[in-house]
Amino acid sequence: MSKEKQMRTKIAQLKIELKYIKPVIWRRFLVDFSISLDKLHDIIQDVMGWEHAHLYSFYFRKLEYTLHFEDDFADFVEDVENSKKTKLNTLGITPKDQLKYLYDQGDSWEHIIKVEKIYEAPDGITIPHCLEGARNCPPEDCGSFPGYEDIVLSMKKPTSKEAREFIDWLGEPYDPEYFDINEINKILKLKAIAKK
């Protein structure tokens, strides 16, 4: 067996936090260190609880990485790279580095991704994998932080007119403390198996 085949896959342990909301909404999770930033976006959507409904960008060392520009025009766009063609392990990141992840340019949900560890994948664990986290992701299209705060406040009085209107719009009551790691890992595992 060659040395390349004997080498185990490298993984990155990442912690993502949604900015400007207290208490913090966060997740700690593992990804293959060689995935594209576009695939990292998909994993973030699943671990956070977003619905893959909007555009996104990553930012690292003064460069933007995104999917929403045409390759034909790439030569005319400065400081923007294609996230589908950029792998996490080609960015030159090391533990303690941070990336910014922006989701939904309308609501502008800013996240900070902290690189905690980079190491060889352990046996018996499906990657990607969520290790821990806290609190529920905001509802999509809720109007950014002010809209989120309105929903959270209204849910404290579930029989109020405002709460009923939000429940009608969302289809169910919103619990800002809800977090189910088993549900997240089930989604990640099913997608990992489907791609094999």
N, C-alpha and C. Protein backbone atom coordinates (compact mmCIF):
# COMPACT_ATOMS: atom_id res chain seq x y z
N MET A 1 0.84 -1.19 0.00
CA MET A 1 0.00 0.00 0.00
C MET A 1 0.88 1.24 0.00
N SER A 2 0.53 2.23 -0.83
CA SER A 2 1.33 3.45 -0.92
C SER A 2 1.14 4.31 0.32
N LYS A 3 2.08 5.25 0.51
CA LYS A 3 1.97 6.17 1.65
C LYS A 3 0.71 7.01 1.56
N GLU A 4 0.32 7.39 0.33
CA GLU A 4 -0.88 8.21 0.16
C GLU A 4 -2.11 7.46 0.64
N LYS A 5 -2.19 6.17 0.32
CA LYS A 5 -3.35 5.38 0.74
C LYS A 5 -3.34 5.14 2.24
N GLN A 6 -2.13 5.07 2.85
CA GLN A 6 -2.05 4.85 4.28
C GLN A 6 -2.43 6.10 5.07
N MET A 7 -2.26 7.27 4.47
CA MET A 7 -2.60 8.51 5.16
C MET A 7 -4.11 8.59 5.35
N ARG A 8 -4.51 9.00 6.53
CA ARG A 8 -5.93 9.13 6.81
C ARG A 8 -6.41 10.51 6.39
N THR A 9 -7.70 10.60 6.15
CA THR A 9 -8.31 11.86 5.75
C THR A 9 -8.16 12.89 6.86
N LYS A 10 -7.80 14.09 6.48
CA LYS A 10 -7.74 15.19 7.46
C LYS A 10 -9.12 15.79 7.62
N ILE A 11 -9.46 16.13 8.86
CA ILE A 11 -10.72 16.81 9.12
C ILE A 11 -10.45 18.10 9.87
N ALA A 12 -11.39 19.00 9.78
CA ALA A 12 -11.31 20.26 10.51
C ALA A 12 -12.45 20.32 11.52
N GLN A 13 -12.13 20.70 12.74
CA GLN A 13 -13.15 20.96 13.74
C GLN A 13 -13.41 22.46 13.73
N LEU A 14 -14.66 22.81 13.45
CA LEU A 14 -15.05 24.21 13.30
C LEU A 14 -16.12 24.57 14.33
N LYS A 15 -16.11 25.82 14.75
CA LYS A 15 -17.19 26.33 15.58
C LYS A 15 -17.76 27.54 14.87
N ILE A 16 -19.07 27.52 14.65
CA ILE A 16 -19.74 28.63 13.98
C ILE A 16 -20.68 29.32 14.95
N GLU A 17 -20.66 30.65 14.93
CA GLU A 17 -21.53 31.45 15.78
C GLU A 17 -22.25 32.48 14.92
N LEU A 18 -23.53 32.65 15.17
CA LEU A 18 -24.30 33.68 14.50
C LEU A 18 -24.10 34.99 15.26
N LYS A 19 -23.63 36.00 14.57
CA LYS A 19 -23.31 37.28 15.22
C LYS A 19 -24.57 38.07 15.59
N TYR A 20 -24.41 38.92 16.60
CA TYR A 20 -25.38 39.94 17.01
C TYR A 20 -26.60 39.40 17.74
N ILE A 21 -26.64 38.12 18.08
CA ILE A 21 -27.75 37.57 18.85
C ILE A 21 -27.21 37.04 20.17
N LYS A 22 -27.87 37.42 21.27
CA LYS A 22 -27.50 36.93 22.60
C LYS A 22 -28.74 36.32 23.24
N PRO A 23 -28.62 35.19 23.93
CA PRO A 23 -27.46 34.29 23.97
C PRO A 23 -27.11 33.77 22.58
N VAL A 24 -25.86 33.36 22.43
CA VAL A 24 -25.32 32.99 21.12
C VAL A 24 -25.95 31.71 20.58
N ILE A 25 -26.22 31.73 19.28
CA ILE A 25 -26.63 30.53 18.53
C ILE A 25 -25.35 29.99 17.90
N TRP A 26 -24.97 28.74 18.24
CA TRP A 26 -23.67 28.23 17.78
C TRP A 26 -23.72 26.72 17.57
N ARG A 27 -22.74 26.23 16.79
CA ARG A 27 -22.55 24.79 16.56
C ARG A 27 -21.05 24.50 16.47
N ARG A 28 -20.66 23.34 16.97
CA ARG A 28 -19.30 22.82 16.78
C ARG A 28 -19.46 21.55 15.94
N PHE A 29 -18.67 21.47 14.84
CA PHE A 29 -18.87 20.35 13.93
C PHE A 29 -17.58 19.99 13.21
N LEU A 30 -17.56 18.78 12.63
CA LEU A 30 -16.41 18.26 11.90
C LEU A 30 -16.73 18.19 10.41
N VAL A 31 -15.73 18.57 9.60
CA VAL A 31 -15.88 18.45 8.15
C VAL A 31 -14.58 17.89 7.57
N ASP A 32 -14.69 17.30 6.40
CA ASP A 32 -13.51 16.89 5.64
C ASP A 32 -12.74 18.15 5.28
N PHE A 33 -11.46 18.18 5.57
CA PHE A 33 -10.64 19.38 5.35
C PHE A 33 -10.48 19.69 3.86
N SER A 34 -10.79 18.72 3.00
CA SER A 34 -10.59 18.94 1.56
C SER A 34 -11.88 19.30 0.82
N ILE A 35 -12.96 19.59 1.54
CA ILE A 35 -14.21 19.93 0.84
C ILE A 35 -14.14 21.33 0.25
N SER A 36 -14.98 21.55 -0.76
CA SER A 36 -15.08 22.89 -1.34
C SER A 36 -15.85 23.80 -0.38
N LEU A 37 -15.68 25.09 -0.54
CA LEU A 37 -16.43 26.04 0.28
C LEU A 37 -17.92 25.96 -0.03
N ASP A 38 -18.27 25.60 -1.25
CA ASP A 38 -19.69 25.42 -1.58
C ASP A 38 -20.28 24.26 -0.78
N LYS A 39 -19.53 23.17 -0.63
CA LYS A 39 -20.01 22.04 0.19
C LYS A 39 -20.04 22.42 1.67
N LEU A 40 -19.07 23.22 2.10
CA LEU A 40 -19.08 23.70 3.48
C LEU A 40 -20.35 24.52 3.73
N HIS A 41 -20.73 25.33 2.77
CA HIS A 41 -21.99 26.09 2.86
C HIS A 41 -23.17 25.15 3.08
N ASP A 42 -23.24 24.06 2.30
CA ASP A 42 -24.34 23.10 2.46
C ASP A 42 -24.36 22.51 3.87
N ILE A 43 -23.18 22.18 4.41
CA ILE A 43 -23.10 21.60 5.75
C ILE A 43 -23.53 22.62 6.79
N ILE A 44 -23.09 23.87 6.64
CA ILE A 44 -23.49 24.93 7.57
C ILE A 44 -25.01 25.08 7.57
N GLN A 45 -25.61 25.04 6.39
CA GLN A 45 -27.06 25.14 6.31
C GLN A 45 -27.72 24.06 7.17
N ASP A 46 -27.20 22.84 7.09
CA ASP A 46 -27.78 21.72 7.84
C ASP A 46 -27.50 21.80 9.33
N VAL A 47 -26.28 22.15 9.72
CA VAL A 47 -25.98 22.18 11.16
C VAL A 47 -26.66 23.35 11.85
N MET A 48 -26.79 24.48 11.15
CA MET A 48 -27.44 25.64 11.75
C MET A 48 -28.96 25.53 11.72
N GLY A 49 -29.49 24.89 10.68
CA GLY A 49 -30.94 24.80 10.54
C GLY A 49 -31.52 25.76 9.51
N TRP A 50 -30.64 26.36 8.70
CA TRP A 50 -31.12 27.18 7.59
C TRP A 50 -31.74 26.27 6.52
N GLU A 51 -32.37 26.87 5.52
CA GLU A 51 -33.16 26.07 4.57
C GLU A 51 -32.62 26.12 3.13
N HIS A 52 -31.36 26.45 2.92
CA HIS A 52 -30.77 26.46 1.57
C HIS A 52 -31.57 27.35 0.63
N ALA A 53 -32.04 28.50 1.13
CA ALA A 53 -32.97 29.33 0.36
C ALA A 53 -32.35 30.59 -0.23
N HIS A 54 -31.10 30.91 0.13
CA HIS A 54 -30.54 32.19 -0.29
C HIS A 54 -29.07 32.06 -0.69
N LEU A 55 -28.55 33.12 -1.27
CA LEU A 55 -27.14 33.17 -1.66
C LEU A 55 -26.26 33.35 -0.43
N TYR A 56 -24.97 33.15 -0.63
CA TYR A 56 -24.02 33.20 0.48
C TYR A 56 -22.66 33.67 -0.02
N SER A 57 -21.80 34.05 0.93
CA SER A 57 -20.39 34.34 0.64
C SER A 57 -19.56 33.97 1.86
N PHE A 58 -18.33 33.53 1.61
CA PHE A 58 -17.32 33.38 2.65
C PHE A 58 -16.31 34.51 2.47
N TYR A 59 -15.69 34.94 3.56
CA TYR A 59 -14.65 35.97 3.50
C TYR A 59 -13.46 35.50 4.32
N PHE A 60 -12.28 35.55 3.70
CA PHE A 60 -11.05 35.16 4.40
C PHE A 60 -9.88 35.90 3.77
N ARG A 61 -9.10 36.56 4.60
CA ARG A 61 -7.92 37.31 4.15
C ARG A 61 -8.21 38.22 2.95
N LYS A 62 -9.19 39.06 3.10
CA LYS A 62 -9.53 40.10 2.12
C LYS A 62 -10.11 39.56 0.82
N LEU A 63 -10.40 38.27 0.75
CA LEU A 63 -11.03 37.71 -0.45
C LEU A 63 -12.44 37.25 -0.12
N GLU A 64 -13.30 37.36 -1.12
CA GLU A 64 -14.67 36.84 -1.01
C GLU A 64 -14.74 35.57 -1.86
N TYR A 65 -15.43 34.56 -1.34
CA TYR A 65 -15.64 33.29 -2.05
C TYR A 65 -17.15 33.09 -2.16
N THR A 66 -17.63 33.02 -3.38
CA THR A 66 -19.07 32.92 -3.58
C THR A 66 -19.38 32.15 -4.85
N LEU A 67 -20.62 31.82 -5.04
CA LEU A 67 -21.05 31.06 -6.21
C LEU A 67 -21.84 31.93 -7.17
N HIS A 68 -22.28 33.09 -6.71
CA HIS A 68 -23.22 33.86 -7.52
C HIS A 68 -22.56 34.90 -8.42
N PHE A 69 -21.58 34.44 -9.17
CA PHE A 69 -21.06 35.26 -10.27
C PHE A 69 -20.70 34.32 -11.41
N GLU A 70 -20.79 34.81 -12.61
CA GLU A 70 -20.53 33.98 -13.78
C GLU A 70 -19.03 33.82 -14.01
N ASP A 71 -18.60 32.60 -14.32
CA ASP A 71 -17.18 32.36 -14.61
C ASP A 71 -16.68 33.24 -15.76
N ASP A 72 -17.56 33.53 -16.72
CA ASP A 72 -17.18 34.36 -17.86
C ASP A 72 -16.70 35.75 -17.44
N PHE A 73 -17.21 36.20 -16.26
CA PHE A 73 -16.87 37.54 -15.80
C PHE A 73 -15.85 37.53 -14.67
N ALA A 74 -15.32 36.36 -14.32
CA ALA A 74 -14.42 36.24 -13.18
C ALA A 74 -13.18 37.11 -13.34
N ASP A 75 -12.69 37.27 -14.57
CA ASP A 75 -11.50 38.09 -14.79
C ASP A 75 -11.74 39.56 -14.50
N PHE A 76 -13.01 39.96 -14.48
CA PHE A 76 -13.33 41.38 -14.28
C PHE A 76 -13.74 41.68 -12.84
N VAL A 77 -13.84 40.65 -12.00
CA VAL A 77 -14.26 40.83 -10.62
C VAL A 77 -13.04 40.67 -9.72
N GLU A 78 -12.65 41.75 -9.06
CA GLU A 78 -11.47 41.69 -8.19
C GLU A 78 -11.84 41.14 -6.82
N ASP A 79 -10.91 40.39 -6.24
CA ASP A 79 -11.03 39.89 -4.87
C ASP A 79 -12.22 38.97 -4.65
N VAL A 80 -12.73 38.33 -5.71
CA VAL A 80 -13.84 37.37 -5.58
C VAL A 80 -13.43 36.07 -6.25
N GLU A 81 -13.58 34.97 -5.52
CA GLU A 81 -13.23 33.64 -6.03
C GLU A 81 -14.47 32.76 -6.04
N ASN A 82 -14.44 31.73 -6.87
CA ASN A 82 -15.55 30.79 -6.99
C ASN A 82 -15.49 29.78 -5.84
N SER A 83 -16.53 29.76 -5.01
CA SER A 83 -16.55 28.87 -3.84
C SER A 83 -16.66 27.39 -4.22
N LYS A 84 -17.17 27.11 -5.40
CA LYS A 84 -17.28 25.71 -5.84
C LYS A 84 -15.92 25.15 -6.23
N LYS A 85 -15.02 26.04 -6.65
CA LYS A 85 -13.69 25.62 -7.10
C LYS A 85 -12.61 25.83 -6.04
N THR A 86 -13.00 26.29 -4.86
CA THR A 86 -12.03 26.57 -3.79
C THR A 86 -12.23 25.58 -2.65
N LYS A 87 -11.17 24.85 -2.32
CA LYS A 87 -11.25 23.88 -1.23
C LYS A 87 -10.77 24.50 0.08
N LEU A 88 -11.36 24.04 1.15
CA LEU A 88 -11.02 24.56 2.48
C LEU A 88 -9.52 24.44 2.76
N ASN A 89 -8.94 23.31 2.37
CA ASN A 89 -7.52 23.08 2.68
C ASN A 89 -6.56 23.85 1.77
N THR A 90 -7.09 24.61 0.82
CA THR A 90 -6.21 25.42 -0.04
C THR A 90 -6.15 26.88 0.41
N LEU A 91 -6.89 27.22 1.46
CA LEU A 91 -6.92 28.61 1.92
C LEU A 91 -5.72 28.98 2.79
N GLY A 92 -4.98 27.96 3.23
CA GLY A 92 -3.87 28.23 4.12
C GLY A 92 -4.31 28.48 5.55
N ILE A 93 -5.49 27.96 5.91
CA ILE A 93 -5.98 28.17 7.27
C ILE A 93 -5.30 27.25 8.25
N THR A 94 -5.17 27.72 9.48
CA THR A 94 -4.60 26.95 10.58
C THR A 94 -5.51 27.14 11.78
N PRO A 95 -5.36 26.28 12.80
CA PRO A 95 -6.18 26.49 14.01
C PRO A 95 -6.05 27.91 14.54
N LYS A 96 -7.15 28.42 15.01
CA LYS A 96 -7.32 29.79 15.53
C LYS A 96 -7.64 30.81 14.44
N ASP A 97 -7.56 30.41 13.15
CA ASP A 97 -8.01 31.31 12.08
C ASP A 97 -9.53 31.41 12.12
N GLN A 98 -10.04 32.49 11.52
CA GLN A 98 -11.48 32.70 11.45
C GLN A 98 -11.88 33.07 10.03
N LEU A 99 -13.04 32.58 9.63
CA LEU A 99 -13.65 32.96 8.36
C LEU A 99 -14.98 33.62 8.68
N LYS A 100 -15.42 34.51 7.81
CA LYS A 100 -16.76 35.06 7.94
C LYS A 100 -17.64 34.37 6.90
N TYR A 101 -18.86 34.06 7.29
CA TYR A 101 -19.84 33.44 6.41
C TYR A 101 -21.08 34.31 6.44
N LEU A 102 -21.48 34.82 5.30
CA LEU A 102 -22.67 35.65 5.18
C LEU A 102 -23.74 34.88 4.43
N TYR A 103 -24.90 34.75 5.03
CA TYR A 103 -26.01 34.03 4.41
C TYR A 103 -27.21 34.98 4.26
N ASP A 104 -27.81 34.96 3.09
CA ASP A 104 -28.99 35.76 2.78
C ASP A 104 -28.63 37.24 2.79
N GLN A 105 -28.32 37.76 1.63
CA GLN A 105 -27.87 39.14 1.54
C GLN A 105 -28.96 40.14 1.87
N GLY A 106 -30.22 39.71 1.89
CA GLY A 106 -31.31 40.58 2.31
C GLY A 106 -31.32 40.74 3.83
N ASP A 107 -31.41 39.60 4.52
CA ASP A 107 -31.41 39.64 5.99
C ASP A 107 -30.00 39.77 6.56
N SER A 108 -29.00 39.45 5.77
CA SER A 108 -27.58 39.60 6.14
C SER A 108 -27.23 38.91 7.46
N TRP A 109 -27.38 37.60 7.48
CA TRP A 109 -26.99 36.83 8.66
C TRP A 109 -25.49 36.59 8.63
N GLU A 110 -24.76 37.25 9.51
CA GLU A 110 -23.31 37.11 9.59
C GLU A 110 -22.94 36.05 10.61
N HIS A 111 -22.04 35.16 10.21
CA HIS A 111 -21.53 34.11 11.09
C HIS A 111 -20.01 34.22 11.15
N ILE A 112 -19.46 33.85 12.27
CA ILE A 112 -18.01 33.72 12.41
C ILE A 112 -17.70 32.23 12.55
N ILE A 113 -16.78 31.74 11.72
CA ILE A 113 -16.35 30.34 11.79
C ILE A 113 -14.94 30.32 12.36
N LYS A 114 -14.78 29.67 13.49
CA LYS A 114 -13.47 29.55 14.13
C LYS A 114 -12.91 28.17 13.82
N VAL A 115 -11.69 28.13 13.33
CA VAL A 115 -11.01 26.86 13.07
C VAL A 115 -10.36 26.44 14.38
N GLU A 116 -10.88 25.36 14.99
CA GLU A 116 -10.39 24.94 16.30
C GLU A 116 -9.26 23.91 16.20
N LYS A 117 -9.43 22.92 15.31
CA LYS A 117 -8.43 21.85 15.17
C LYS A 117 -8.43 21.36 13.73
N ILE A 118 -7.28 20.83 13.31
CA ILE A 118 -7.17 20.10 12.05
C ILE A 118 -6.40 18.83 12.37
N TYR A 119 -7.01 17.68 12.11
CA TYR A 119 -6.37 16.42 12.50
C TYR A 119 -6.87 15.26 11.65
N GLU A 120 -6.30 14.09 11.87
CA GLU A 120 -6.70 12.91 11.09
C GLU A 120 -8.06 12.40 11.59
N ALA A 121 -8.88 11.99 10.64
CA ALA A 121 -10.23 11.54 10.97
C ALA A 121 -10.19 10.30 11.85
N PRO A 122 -10.97 10.29 12.93
CA PRO A 122 -11.04 9.10 13.79
C PRO A 122 -11.87 8.00 13.12
N ASP A 123 -11.66 6.76 13.53
CA ASP A 123 -12.45 5.65 13.01
C ASP A 123 -13.87 5.72 13.58
N GLY A 124 -14.81 5.20 12.80
CA GLY A 124 -16.16 4.99 13.31
C GLY A 124 -17.04 6.22 13.41
N ILE A 125 -16.68 7.30 12.75
CA ILE A 125 -17.53 8.48 12.78
C ILE A 125 -17.77 8.95 11.35
N THR A 126 -19.02 9.26 11.04
CA THR A 126 -19.36 9.75 9.73
C THR A 126 -19.07 11.25 9.67
N ILE A 127 -18.38 11.66 8.64
CA ILE A 127 -18.06 13.08 8.46
C ILE A 127 -18.90 13.59 7.29
N PRO A 128 -19.59 14.72 7.43
CA PRO A 128 -19.58 15.67 8.53
C PRO A 128 -20.35 15.18 9.74
N HIS A 129 -20.07 15.82 10.89
CA HIS A 129 -20.68 15.41 12.14
C HIS A 129 -20.76 16.61 13.08
N CYS A 130 -21.93 16.81 13.67
CA CYS A 130 -22.11 17.90 14.64
C CYS A 130 -21.78 17.37 16.03
N LEU A 131 -20.92 18.07 16.75
CA LEU A 131 -20.48 17.65 18.08
C LEU A 131 -21.33 18.24 19.19
N GLU A 132 -21.70 19.49 19.05
CA GLU A 132 -22.52 20.15 20.06
C GLU A 132 -22.99 21.49 19.53
N GLY A 133 -23.84 22.15 20.27
CA GLY A 133 -24.34 23.45 19.86
C GLY A 133 -25.38 23.95 20.83
N ALA A 134 -25.98 25.08 20.51
CA ALA A 134 -27.00 25.64 21.37
C ALA A 134 -27.91 26.56 20.58
N ARG A 135 -29.18 26.47 20.89
CA ARG A 135 -30.23 27.38 20.44
C ARG A 135 -30.63 27.19 18.97
N ASN A 136 -31.81 27.64 18.70
CA ASN A 136 -32.46 27.46 17.40
C ASN A 136 -32.07 28.57 16.42
N CYS A 137 -31.89 28.19 15.19
CA CYS A 137 -31.61 29.13 14.11
C CYS A 137 -32.84 30.04 13.91
N PRO A 138 -32.64 31.31 13.56
CA PRO A 138 -33.80 32.16 13.26
C PRO A 138 -34.60 31.62 12.08
N PRO A 139 -35.88 31.94 12.01
CA PRO A 139 -36.66 31.55 10.84
C PRO A 139 -36.17 32.29 9.60
N GLU A 140 -36.24 31.62 8.46
CA GLU A 140 -35.87 32.27 7.20
C GLU A 140 -36.78 33.46 6.93
N ASP A 141 -36.21 34.49 6.31
CA ASP A 141 -36.97 35.65 5.83
C ASP A 141 -37.74 36.38 6.93
N CYS A 142 -37.20 36.35 8.16
CA CYS A 142 -37.92 36.98 9.27
C CYS A 142 -37.61 38.46 9.41
N GLY A 143 -36.72 39.00 8.59
CA GLY A 143 -36.41 40.42 8.68
C GLY A 143 -35.18 40.71 9.49
N SER A 144 -34.22 39.79 9.46
CA SER A 144 -32.95 39.94 10.17
C SER A 144 -33.16 40.04 11.68
N PHE A 145 -32.23 40.70 12.36
CA PHE A 145 -32.24 40.71 13.82
C PHE A 145 -33.47 41.37 14.43
N PRO A 146 -33.93 42.50 13.90
CA PRO A 146 -35.15 43.08 14.49
C PRO A 146 -36.36 42.16 14.35
N GLY A 147 -36.52 41.52 13.19
CA GLY A 147 -37.62 40.60 12.99
C GLY A 147 -37.52 39.38 13.90
N TYR A 148 -36.29 38.88 14.05
CA TYR A 148 -36.06 37.75 14.96
C TYR A 148 -36.45 38.12 16.39
N GLU A 149 -36.02 39.30 16.85
CA GLU A 149 -36.35 39.73 18.21
C GLU A 149 -37.85 39.88 18.40
N ASP A 150 -38.54 40.37 17.37
CA ASP A 150 -40.00 40.48 17.45
C ASP A 150 -40.65 39.11 17.63
N ILE A 151 -40.16 38.12 16.88
CA ILE A 151 -40.71 36.76 16.99
C ILE A 151 -40.47 36.20 18.39
N VAL A 152 -39.23 36.33 18.88
CA VAL A 152 -38.88 35.79 20.20
C VAL A 152 -39.74 36.44 21.28
N LEU A 153 -39.88 37.75 21.23
CA LEU A 153 -40.70 38.45 22.23
C LEU A 153 -42.16 38.03 22.15
N SER A 154 -42.68 37.91 20.94
CA SER A 154 -44.09 37.54 20.80
C SER A 154 -44.36 36.12 21.29
N MET A 155 -43.39 35.21 21.13
CA MET A 155 -43.59 33.82 21.56
C MET A 155 -43.65 33.68 23.08
N LYS A 156 -43.23 34.72 23.80
CA LYS A 156 -43.36 34.70 25.26
C LYS A 156 -44.82 34.87 25.69
N LYS A 157 -45.64 35.37 24.77
CA LYS A 157 -47.08 35.50 25.00
C LYS A 157 -47.80 34.79 23.85
N PRO A 158 -47.79 33.45 23.88
CA PRO A 158 -48.26 32.67 22.72
C PRO A 158 -49.71 32.90 22.32
N THR A 159 -50.52 33.49 23.20
CA THR A 159 -51.92 33.72 22.85
C THR A 159 -52.15 35.14 22.31
N SER A 160 -51.09 35.94 22.26
CA SER A 160 -51.22 37.32 21.76
C SER A 160 -51.49 37.30 20.25
N LYS A 161 -52.04 38.41 19.76
CA LYS A 161 -52.33 38.55 18.34
C LYS A 161 -51.04 38.41 17.52
N GLU A 162 -49.96 39.06 17.98
CA GLU A 162 -48.67 39.01 17.27
C GLU A 162 -48.15 37.58 17.18
N ALA A 163 -48.22 36.85 18.30
CA ALA A 163 -47.74 35.46 18.31
C ALA A 163 -48.55 34.60 17.35
N ARG A 164 -49.88 34.77 17.36
CA ARG A 164 -50.73 33.99 16.46
C ARG A 164 -50.40 34.28 15.00
N GLU A 165 -50.12 35.55 14.69
CA GLU A 165 -49.75 35.91 13.31
C GLU A 165 -48.43 35.25 12.90
N PHE A 166 -47.45 35.27 13.81
CA PHE A 166 -46.17 34.61 13.51
C PHE A 166 -46.34 33.10 13.37
N ILE A 167 -47.15 32.51 14.23
CA ILE A 167 -47.38 31.05 14.17
C ILE A 167 -48.06 30.69 12.85
N ASP A 168 -49.03 31.51 12.43
CA ASP A 168 -49.69 31.27 11.13
C ASP A 168 -48.67 31.35 9.99
N TRP A 169 -47.79 32.34 10.07
CA TRP A 169 -46.78 32.53 9.01
C TRP A 169 -45.75 31.40 9.02
N LEU A 170 -45.28 31.01 10.20
CA LEU A 170 -44.24 29.97 10.31
C LEU A 170 -44.79 28.56 10.18
N GLY A 171 -46.07 28.39 10.48
CA GLY A 171 -46.67 27.05 10.44
C GLY A 171 -46.61 26.33 11.76
N GLU A 172 -45.91 26.89 12.75
CA GLU A 172 -45.80 26.31 14.08
C GLU A 172 -45.18 27.34 15.02
N PRO A 173 -45.32 27.14 16.34
CA PRO A 173 -44.65 28.07 17.27
C PRO A 173 -43.13 27.98 17.11
N TYR A 174 -42.46 29.08 17.37
CA TYR A 174 -41.00 29.12 17.28
C TYR A 174 -40.42 29.08 18.68
N ASP A 175 -39.52 28.11 18.92
CA ASP A 175 -38.84 27.97 20.21
C ASP A 175 -37.38 28.35 20.02
N PRO A 176 -36.95 29.51 20.54
CA PRO A 176 -35.56 29.94 20.33
C PRO A 176 -34.52 29.06 21.01
N GLU A 177 -34.95 28.23 21.98
CA GLU A 177 -34.01 27.36 22.69
C GLU A 177 -33.90 25.97 22.08
N TYR A 178 -34.71 25.67 21.10
CA TYR A 178 -34.72 24.32 20.52
C TYR A 178 -33.40 23.99 19.84
N PHE A 179 -32.87 22.81 20.16
CA PHE A 179 -31.66 22.31 19.49
C PHE A 179 -31.65 20.80 19.63
N ASP A 180 -31.64 20.08 18.50
CA ASP A 180 -31.66 18.62 18.51
C ASP A 180 -30.47 18.10 17.71
N ILE A 181 -29.40 17.75 18.42
CA ILE A 181 -28.18 17.31 17.76
C ILE A 181 -28.39 15.99 17.01
N ASN A 182 -29.25 15.13 17.53
CA ASN A 182 -29.51 13.85 16.86
C ASN A 182 -30.19 14.07 15.51
N GLU A 183 -31.10 15.01 15.45
CA GLU A 183 -31.77 15.34 14.18
C GLU A 183 -30.77 15.88 13.17
N ILE A 184 -29.88 16.76 13.62
CA ILE A 184 -28.86 17.33 12.73
C ILE A 184 -27.96 16.23 12.19
N ASN A 185 -27.47 15.36 13.06
CA ASN A 185 -26.56 14.29 12.62
C ASN A 185 -27.25 13.26 11.73
N LYS A 186 -28.53 13.07 11.94
CA LYS A 186 -29.28 12.17 11.06
C LYS A 186 -29.32 12.74 9.64
N ILE A 187 -29.58 14.05 9.52
CA ILE A 187 -29.60 14.72 8.21
C ILE A 187 -28.22 14.63 7.55
N LEU A 188 -27.17 14.93 8.32
CA LEU A 188 -25.80 14.89 7.78
C LEU A 188 -25.43 13.48 7.32
N LYS A 189 -25.80 12.47 8.11
CA LYS A 189 -25.46 11.09 7.78
C LYS A 189 -26.20 10.63 6.52
N LEU A 190 -27.47 10.96 6.41
CA LEU A 190 -28.26 10.57 5.24
C LEU A 190 -27.67 11.19 3.97
N LYS A 191 -27.27 12.46 4.05
CA LYS A 191 -26.68 13.13 2.89
C LYS A 191 -25.32 12.54 2.54
N ALA A 192 -24.53 12.18 3.57
CA ALA A 192 -23.21 11.58 3.32
C ALA A 192 -23.36 10.22 2.64
N ILE A 193 -24.33 9.44 3.08
CA ILE A 193 -24.57 8.12 2.49
C ILE A 193 -25.07 8.27 1.06
N ALA A 194 -25.96 9.24 0.82
CA ALA A 194 -26.52 9.46 -0.51
C ALA A 194 -25.46 9.85 -1.52
N LYS A 195 -24.37 10.49 -1.07
CA LYS A 195 -23.32 10.94 -1.99
C LYS A 195 -22.32 9.84 -2.31
N LYS A 196 -22.37 8.72 -1.59
CA LYS A 196 -21.40 7.63 -1.84
C LYS A 196 -21.78 6.84 -3.07
